[in-house]
C-alpha cells in the first residue's frame, strides 16, 4: 500500500521533462522565441549555425529545447 501511494505521489508532483525541436526556415525567429521563453526578453541574435540547446523551466515541467538552424528556400 505504501509503495502504491509513493508511486502515485511521485507521478503527480515529480518534475516532468519534455523535449521540443524547433525547425523552420532561416530568419523565421526560432532563436528569438527560444530566448524570449528562457530569459523573458527579446535578445539580438545572429544566424544559428548548427543548433542551440537550452533548458526552460515552467511550473513543474523542464523543457529541453533544440533550436536547429534554418535553411534557405530553394
PDB file of N, CA and C in Angstrom:
ATOM      1  N   UNK A   1       0.826  -1.190   0.000  1.00  0.00           N
ATOM      2  CA  UNK A   1       0.000   0.000   0.000  1.00  0.00           C
ATOM      3  C   UNK A   1       0.875   1.261   0.000  1.00  0.00           C
ATOM      4  N   UNK A   2       1.905   1.269   0.833  1.00  0.00           N
ATOM      5  CA  UNK A   2       2.795   2.424   0.904  1.00  0.00           C
ATOM      6  C   UNK A   2       3.513   2.668  -0.411  1.00  0.00           C
ATOM      7  N   UNK A   3       3.904   1.589  -1.090  1.00  0.00           N
ATOM      8  CA  UNK A   3       4.590   1.718  -2.374  1.00  0.00           C
ATOM      9  C   UNK A   3       3.662   2.320  -3.422  1.00  0.00           C
ATOM     10  N   UNK A   4       2.409   1.904  -3.430  1.00  0.00           N
ATOM     11  CA  UNK A   4       1.433   2.456  -4.378  1.00  0.00           C
ATOM     12  C   UNK A   4       1.239   3.944  -4.145  1.00  0.00           C
ATOM     13  N   UNK A   5       1.144   4.359  -2.879  1.00  0.00           N
ATOM     14  CA  UNK A   5       0.978   5.774  -2.556  1.00  0.00           C
ATOM     15  C   UNK A   5       2.203   6.574  -2.995  1.00  0.00           C
ATOM     16  N   UNK A   6       3.378   6.012  -2.794  1.00  0.00           N
ATOM     17  CA  UNK A   6       4.617   6.679  -3.191  1.00  0.00           C
ATOM     18  C   UNK A   6       4.671   6.869  -4.703  1.00  0.00           C
ATOM     19  N   UNK A   7       4.309   5.845  -5.463  1.00  0.00           N
ATOM     20  CA  UNK A   7       4.309   5.948  -6.924  1.00  0.00           C
ATOM     21  C   UNK A   7       3.302   6.991  -7.399  1.00  0.00           C
ATOM     22  N   UNK A   8       2.112   6.989  -6.813  1.00  0.00           N
ATOM     23  CA  UNK A   8       1.087   7.961  -7.177  1.00  0.00           C
ATOM     24  C   UNK A   8       1.558   9.379  -6.860  1.00  0.00           C
ATOM     25  N   UNK A   9       2.121   9.569  -5.693  1.00  0.00           N
ATOM     26  CA  UNK A   9       2.606  10.882  -5.273  1.00  0.00           C
ATOM     27  C   UNK A   9       3.697  11.381  -6.216  1.00  0.00           C
ATOM     28  N   UNK A  10       4.634  10.504  -6.583  1.00  0.00           N
ATOM     29  CA  UNK A  10       5.738  10.923  -7.452  1.00  0.00           C
ATOM     30  C   UNK A  10       5.244  11.248  -8.859  1.00  0.00           C
ATOM     31  N   UNK A  11       4.236  10.543  -9.347  1.00  0.00           N
ATOM     32  CA  UNK A  11       3.693  10.843 -10.677  1.00  0.00           C
ATOM     33  C   UNK A  11       2.965  12.180 -10.695  1.00  0.00           C
ATOM     34  N   UNK A  12       2.308  12.506  -9.605  1.00  0.00           N
ATOM     35  CA  UNK A  12       1.547  13.751  -9.551  1.00  0.00           C
ATOM     36  C   UNK A  12       2.431  14.973  -9.348  1.00  0.00           C
ATOM     37  N   UNK A  13       3.465  14.846  -8.531  1.00  0.00           N
ATOM     38  CA  UNK A  13       4.228  16.017  -8.117  1.00  0.00           C
ATOM     39  C   UNK A  13       5.678  16.042  -8.581  1.00  0.00           C
ATOM     40  N   UNK A  14       6.141  15.003  -9.229  1.00  0.00           N
ATOM     41  CA  UNK A  14       7.531  14.985  -9.694  1.00  0.00           C
ATOM     42  C   UNK A  14       7.693  15.921 -10.886  1.00  0.00           C
ATOM     43  N   UNK A  15       8.893  16.441 -11.050  1.00  0.00           N
ATOM     44  CA  UNK A  15       9.174  17.310 -12.190  1.00  0.00           C
ATOM     45  C   UNK A  15       9.139  16.480 -13.466  1.00  0.00           C
ATOM     46  N   UNK A  16       8.393  16.955 -14.426  1.00  0.00           N
ATOM     47  CA  UNK A  16       8.290  16.267 -15.709  1.00  0.00           C
ATOM     48  C   UNK A  16       9.312  16.866 -16.664  1.00  0.00           C
ATOM     49  N   UNK A  17       9.794  16.056 -17.582  1.00  0.00           N
ATOM     50  CA  UNK A  17      10.761  16.515 -18.574  1.00  0.00           C
ATOM     51  C   UNK A  17      10.182  16.308 -19.963  1.00  0.00           C
ATOM     52  N   UNK A  18      10.256  17.348 -20.783  1.00  0.00           N
ATOM     53  CA  UNK A  18       9.760  17.295 -22.154  1.00  0.00           C
ATOM     54  C   UNK A  18      10.859  17.794 -23.082  1.00  0.00           C
ATOM     55  N   UNK A  19      10.800  17.366 -24.325  1.00  0.00           N
ATOM     56  CA  UNK A  19      11.756  17.821 -25.334  1.00  0.00           C
ATOM     57  C   UNK A  19      11.002  18.472 -26.486  1.00  0.00           C
ATOM     58  N   UNK A  20      11.538  19.582 -26.974  1.00  0.00           N
ATOM     59  CA  UNK A  20      10.932  20.309 -28.089  1.00  0.00           C
ATOM     60  C   UNK A  20      11.998  20.525 -29.153  1.00  0.00           C
ATOM     61  N   UNK A  21      11.652  20.263 -30.408  1.00  0.00           N
ATOM     62  CA  UNK A  21      12.541  20.521 -31.541  1.00  0.00           C
ATOM     63  C   UNK A  21      11.933  21.657 -32.354  1.00  0.00           C
ATOM     64  N   UNK A  22      12.669  22.769 -32.455  1.00  0.00           N
ATOM     65  CA  UNK A  22      12.193  23.923 -33.222  1.00  0.00           C
ATOM     66  C   UNK A  22      12.855  23.907 -34.590  1.00  0.00           C
ATOM     67  N   UNK A  23      12.041  23.793 -35.637  1.00  0.00           N
ATOM     68  CA  UNK A  23      12.552  23.795 -37.010  1.00  0.00           C
ATOM     69  C   UNK A  23      11.789  24.828 -37.827  1.00  0.00           C
ATOM     70  N   UNK A  24      12.409  25.312 -38.875  1.00  0.00           N
ATOM     71  CA  UNK A  24      11.766  26.285 -39.753  1.00  0.00           C
ATOM     72  C   UNK A  24      12.784  26.914 -40.685  1.00  0.00           C
ATOM     73  N   UNK A  25      12.297  27.802 -41.529  1.00  0.00           N
ATOM     74  CA  UNK A  25      13.179  28.493 -42.464  1.00  0.00           C
ATOM     75  C   UNK A  25      14.143  29.410 -41.724  1.00  0.00           C
ATOM     76  N   UNK A  26      15.226  29.780 -42.403  1.00  0.00           N
ATOM     77  CA  UNK A  26      16.176  30.706 -41.781  1.00  0.00           C
ATOM     78  C   UNK A  26      15.510  32.066 -41.580  1.00  0.00           C
ATOM     79  N   UNK A  27      15.937  32.768 -40.548  1.00  0.00           N
ATOM     80  CA  UNK A  27      15.412  34.094 -40.186  1.00  0.00           C
ATOM     81  C   UNK A  27      13.917  34.075 -39.881  1.00  0.00           C
ATOM     82  N   UNK A  28      13.407  32.937 -39.395  1.00  0.00           N
ATOM     83  CA  UNK A  28      11.978  32.832 -39.062  1.00  0.00           C
ATOM     84  C   UNK A  28      11.693  33.235 -37.619  1.00  0.00           C
ATOM     85  N   UNK A  29      12.728  33.306 -36.761  1.00  0.00           N
ATOM     86  CA  UNK A  29      12.535  33.724 -35.375  1.00  0.00           C
ATOM     87  C   UNK A  29      12.609  32.611 -34.353  1.00  0.00           C
ATOM     88  N   UNK A  30      13.122  31.453 -34.737  1.00  0.00           N
ATOM     89  CA  UNK A  30      13.201  30.313 -33.810  1.00  0.00           C
ATOM     90  C   UNK A  30      14.071  30.630 -32.597  1.00  0.00           C
ATOM     91  N   UNK A  31      15.247  31.175 -32.822  1.00  0.00           N
ATOM     92  CA  UNK A  31      16.160  31.501 -31.723  1.00  0.00           C
ATOM     93  C   UNK A  31      15.600  32.627 -30.868  1.00  0.00           C
ATOM     94  N   UNK A  32      14.969  33.603 -31.493  1.00  0.00           N
ATOM     95  CA  UNK A  32      14.361  34.706 -30.745  1.00  0.00           C
ATOM     96  C   UNK A  32      13.273  34.188 -29.815  1.00  0.00           C
ATOM     97  N   UNK A  33      12.428  33.290 -30.300  1.00  0.00           N
ATOM     98  CA  UNK A  33      11.375  32.695 -29.461  1.00  0.00           C
ATOM     99  C   UNK A  33      11.990  31.912 -28.314  1.00  0.00           C
ATOM    100  N   UNK A  34      13.034  31.127 -28.602  1.00  0.00           N
ATOM    101  CA  UNK A  34      13.688  30.335 -27.563  1.00  0.00           C
ATOM    102  C   UNK A  34      14.193  31.223 -26.431  1.00  0.00           C
ATOM    103  N   UNK A  35      14.901  32.295 -26.760  1.00  0.00           N
ATOM    104  CA  UNK A  35      15.459  33.145 -25.711  1.00  0.00           C
ATOM    105  C   UNK A  35      14.406  34.027 -25.046  1.00  0.00           C
ATOM    106  N   UNK A  36      13.306  34.318 -25.727  1.00  0.00           N
ATOM    107  CA  UNK A  36      12.193  35.023 -25.084  1.00  0.00           C
ATOM    108  C   UNK A  36      11.579  34.122 -24.013  1.00  0.00           C
ATOM    109  N   UNK A  37      11.430  32.833 -24.311  1.00  0.00           N
ATOM    110  CA  UNK A  37      10.904  31.885 -23.322  1.00  0.00           C
ATOM    111  C   UNK A  37      11.866  31.708 -22.152  1.00  0.00           C
ATOM    112  N   UNK A  38      13.158  31.606 -22.447  1.00  0.00           N
ATOM    113  CA  UNK A  38      14.142  31.340 -21.401  1.00  0.00           C
ATOM    114  C   UNK A  38      14.438  32.564 -20.539  1.00  0.00           C
ATOM    115  N   UNK A  39      14.643  33.719 -21.169  1.00  0.00           N
ATOM    116  CA  UNK A  39      15.085  34.911 -20.451  1.00  0.00           C
ATOM    117  C   UNK A  39      13.967  35.907 -20.168  1.00  0.00           C
ATOM    118  N   UNK A  40      12.859  35.787 -20.901  1.00  0.00           N
ATOM    119  CA  UNK A  40      11.752  36.714 -20.710  1.00  0.00           C
ATOM    120  C   UNK A  40      11.947  38.046 -21.407  1.00  0.00           C
ATOM    121  N   UNK A  41      12.929  38.135 -22.277  1.00  0.00           N
ATOM    122  CA  UNK A  41      13.160  39.385 -23.001  1.00  0.00           C
ATOM    123  C   UNK A  41      13.673  39.079 -24.399  1.00  0.00           C
ATOM    124  N   UNK A  42      13.501  40.035 -25.287  1.00  0.00           N
ATOM    125  CA  UNK A  42      13.973  39.887 -26.663  1.00  0.00           C
ATOM    126  C   UNK A  42      15.475  40.175 -26.690  1.00  0.00           C
ATOM    127  N   UNK A  43      16.225  39.291 -27.309  1.00  0.00           N
ATOM    128  CA  UNK A  43      17.669  39.487 -27.442  1.00  0.00           C
ATOM    129  C   UNK A  43      18.027  39.559 -28.925  1.00  0.00           C
ATOM    130  N   UNK A  44      19.093  40.264 -29.220  1.00  0.00           N
ATOM    131  CA  UNK A  44      19.591  40.332 -30.592  1.00  0.00           C
ATOM    132  C   UNK A  44      20.401  39.074 -30.855  1.00  0.00           C
ATOM    133  N   UNK A  45      20.087  38.385 -31.932  1.00  0.00           N
ATOM    134  CA  UNK A  45      20.766  37.123 -32.228  1.00  0.00           C
ATOM    135  C   UNK A  45      21.450  37.200 -33.587  1.00  0.00           C
ATOM    136  N   UNK A  46      22.351  36.268 -33.792  1.00  0.00           N
ATOM    137  CA  UNK A  46      22.977  36.098 -35.097  1.00  0.00           C
ATOM    138  C   UNK A  46      22.446  34.786 -35.667  1.00  0.00           C
ATOM    139  N   UNK A  47      22.571  34.576 -36.981  1.00  0.00           N
ATOM    140  CA  UNK A  47      22.071  33.322 -37.553  1.00  0.00           C
ATOM    141  C   UNK A  47      22.687  32.097 -36.863  1.00  0.00           C
ATOM    142  N   UNK A  48      21.849  31.118 -36.589  1.00  0.00           N
ATOM    143  CA  UNK A  48      22.289  29.899 -35.908  1.00  0.00           C
ATOM    144  C   UNK A  48      23.016  28.995 -36.892  1.00  0.00           C
ATOM    145  N   UNK A  49      24.232  28.619 -36.539  1.00  0.00           N
ATOM    146  CA  UNK A  49      24.999  27.641 -37.305  1.00  0.00           C
ATOM    147  C   UNK A  49      24.957  26.355 -36.493  1.00  0.00           C
ATOM    148  N   UNK A  50      24.381  25.317 -37.044  1.00  0.00           N
ATOM    149  CA  UNK A  50      24.230  24.072 -36.286  1.00  0.00           C
ATOM    150  C   UNK A  50      22.964  24.117 -35.462  1.00  0.00           C
ATOM    151  N   UNK A  51      23.110  24.156 -34.120  1.00  0.00           N
ATOM    152  CA  UNK A  51      21.927  24.167 -33.258  1.00  0.00           C
ATOM    153  C   UNK A  51      22.257  24.769 -31.903  1.00  0.00           C
ATOM    154  N   UNK A  52      21.219  25.197 -31.190  1.00  0.00           N
ATOM    155  CA  UNK A  52      21.309  25.646 -29.796  1.00  0.00           C
ATOM    156  C   UNK A  52      20.464  24.695 -28.963  1.00  0.00           C
ATOM    157  N   UNK A  53      20.913  24.391 -27.762  1.00  0.00           N
ATOM    158  CA  UNK A  53      20.126  23.586 -26.830  1.00  0.00           C
ATOM    159  C   UNK A  53      20.030  24.359 -25.526  1.00  0.00           C
ATOM    160  N   UNK A  54      18.814  24.601 -25.064  1.00  0.00           N
ATOM    161  CA  UNK A  54      18.580  25.322 -23.813  1.00  0.00           C
ATOM    162  C   UNK A  54      17.518  24.584 -23.014  1.00  0.00           C
ATOM    163  N   UNK A  55      17.556  24.763 -21.703  1.00  0.00           N
ATOM    164  CA  UNK A  55      16.536  24.207 -20.823  1.00  0.00           C
ATOM    165  C   UNK A  55      15.682  25.348 -20.300  1.00  0.00           C
ATOM    166  N   UNK A  56      14.370  25.199 -20.441  1.00  0.00           N
ATOM    167  CA  UNK A  56      13.413  26.202 -19.990  1.00  0.00           C
ATOM    168  C   UNK A  56      12.531  25.560 -18.927  1.00  0.00           C
ATOM    169  N   UNK A  57      12.438  26.195 -17.762  1.00  0.00           N
ATOM    170  CA  UNK A  57      11.610  25.686 -16.664  1.00  0.00           C
ATOM    171  C   UNK A  57      10.278  26.421 -16.662  1.00  0.00           C
ATOM    172  N   UNK A  58       9.178  25.668 -16.570  1.00  0.00           N
ATOM    173  CA  UNK A  58       7.846  26.260 -16.462  1.00  0.00           C
ATOM    174  C   UNK A  58       7.024  25.396 -15.521  1.00  0.00           C
ATOM    175  N   UNK A  59       6.600  26.008 -14.415  1.00  0.00           N
ATOM    176  CA  UNK A  59       5.881  25.300 -13.355  1.00  0.00           C
ATOM    177  C   UNK A  59       6.705  24.080 -12.953  1.00  0.00           C
ATOM    178  N   UNK A  60       6.145  22.857 -13.053  1.00  0.00           N
ATOM    179  CA  UNK A  60       6.917  21.674 -12.664  1.00  0.00           C
ATOM    180  C   UNK A  60       7.391  20.898 -13.892  1.00  0.00           C
ATOM    181  N   UNK A  61       7.552  21.609 -15.021  1.00  0.00           N
ATOM    182  CA  UNK A  61       7.983  20.961 -16.256  1.00  0.00           C
ATOM    183  C   UNK A  61       9.314  21.559 -16.695  1.00  0.00           C
ATOM    184  N   UNK A  62      10.236  20.695 -17.052  1.00  0.00           N
ATOM    185  CA  UNK A  62      11.527  21.112 -17.579  1.00  0.00           C
ATOM    186  C   UNK A  62      11.554  20.790 -19.080  1.00  0.00           C
ATOM    187  N   UNK A  63      11.602  21.829 -19.906  1.00  0.00           N
ATOM    188  CA  UNK A  63      11.639  21.658 -21.352  1.00  0.00           C
ATOM    189  C   UNK A  63      13.079  21.754 -21.832  1.00  0.00           C
ATOM    190  N   UNK A  64      13.537  20.759 -22.573  1.00  0.00           N
ATOM    191  CA  UNK A  64      14.811  20.847 -23.271  1.00  0.00           C
ATOM    192  C   UNK A  64      14.473  21.212 -24.707  1.00  0.00           C
ATOM    193  N   UNK A  65      14.897  22.402 -25.127  1.00  0.00           N
ATOM    194  CA  UNK A  65      14.525  22.928 -26.441  1.00  0.00           C
ATOM    195  C   UNK A  65      15.737  22.876 -27.360  1.00  0.00           C
ATOM    196  N   UNK A  66      15.569  22.203 -28.490  1.00  0.00           N
ATOM    197  CA  UNK A  66      16.603  22.124 -29.519  1.00  0.00           C
ATOM    198  C   UNK A  66      16.206  23.092 -30.626  1.00  0.00           C
ATOM    199  N   UNK A  67      17.020  24.097 -30.852  1.00  0.00           N
ATOM    200  CA  UNK A  67      16.791  25.119 -31.872  1.00  0.00           C
ATOM    201  C   UNK A  67      17.742  24.825 -33.022  1.00  0.00           C
ATOM    202  N   UNK A  68      17.193  24.314 -34.120  1.00  0.00           N
ATOM    203  CA  UNK A  68      18.007  23.902 -35.265  1.00  0.00           C
ATOM    204  C   UNK A  68      18.082  25.054 -36.255  1.00  0.00           C
ATOM    205  N   UNK A  69      19.277  25.325 -36.758  1.00  0.00           N
ATOM    206  CA  UNK A  69      19.454  26.392 -37.741  1.00  0.00           C
ATOM    207  C   UNK A  69      18.598  26.153 -38.965  1.00  0.00           C
ATOM    208  N   UNK A  70      18.062  27.237 -39.530  1.00  0.00           N
ATOM    209  CA  UNK A  70      17.187  27.134 -40.694  1.00  0.00           C
ATOM    210  C   UNK A  70      17.960  26.895 -41.971  1.00  0.00           C
ATOM    211  N   UNK A  71      17.207  26.781 -43.052  1.00  0.00           N
ATOM    212  CA  UNK A  71      17.810  26.549 -44.355  1.00  0.00           C
ATOM    213  C   UNK A  71      17.133  27.472 -45.359  1.00  0.00           C
ATOM    214  N   UNK A  72      17.921  28.044 -46.263  1.00  0.00           N
ATOM    215  CA  UNK A  72      17.364  28.921 -47.294  1.00  0.00           C
ATOM    216  C   UNK A  72      16.354  28.171 -48.143  1.00  0.00           C
ATOM    217  N   UNK A  73      15.369  28.923 -48.645  1.00  0.00           N
ATOM    218  CA  UNK A  73      14.433  28.338 -49.605  1.00  0.00           C
ATOM    219  C   UNK A  73      15.183  28.079 -50.902  1.00  0.00           C
ATOM    220  N   UNK A  74      14.804  27.023 -51.594  1.00  0.00           N
ATOM    221  CA  UNK A  74      15.474  26.679 -52.857  1.00  0.00           C
ATOM    222  C   UNK A  74      15.026  27.575 -53.981  1.00  0.00           C
TER     223      UNK A  74
END
